[in-house]
Amino acid sequence: MKGAIKKIVKVSTCMGMFECFLTSNLPEKGYTVTVPKLKGVVTFGDDEKEAVRMAKEAIELHCGCLLEKGFAEVRLKSKEVVKEKTPAGGR
């Protein structure tokens, strides 16, 4: 991304605090957000505020799906750890 500016922000979610990378999409508008601890979580916002809001939503949806499917251990704000069984076959 030519002219991109990166910024690290911490996003507070119901699943805990996550470090996110905001990258400006210069010369066009908007920000792309990635979450290093959650492979594949990428979102976008027209401005920083919207990008952070979208990141929060993406993190919560991603972690919720992982828990629902039984593939994850997610640390909640309360520091409690929710563990789910891995389905048969380890997938």
Foldseek 3Di string as FASTA:
>chain_A
DPPKDWDWDWAQEQLGIFIKIWIAPPPDFWTWIDTVVQPPQIDIDRDPVRNSVVSRVSVVVSVVVCVVQQNDWTQGHVRDIDHGHQDPPRD
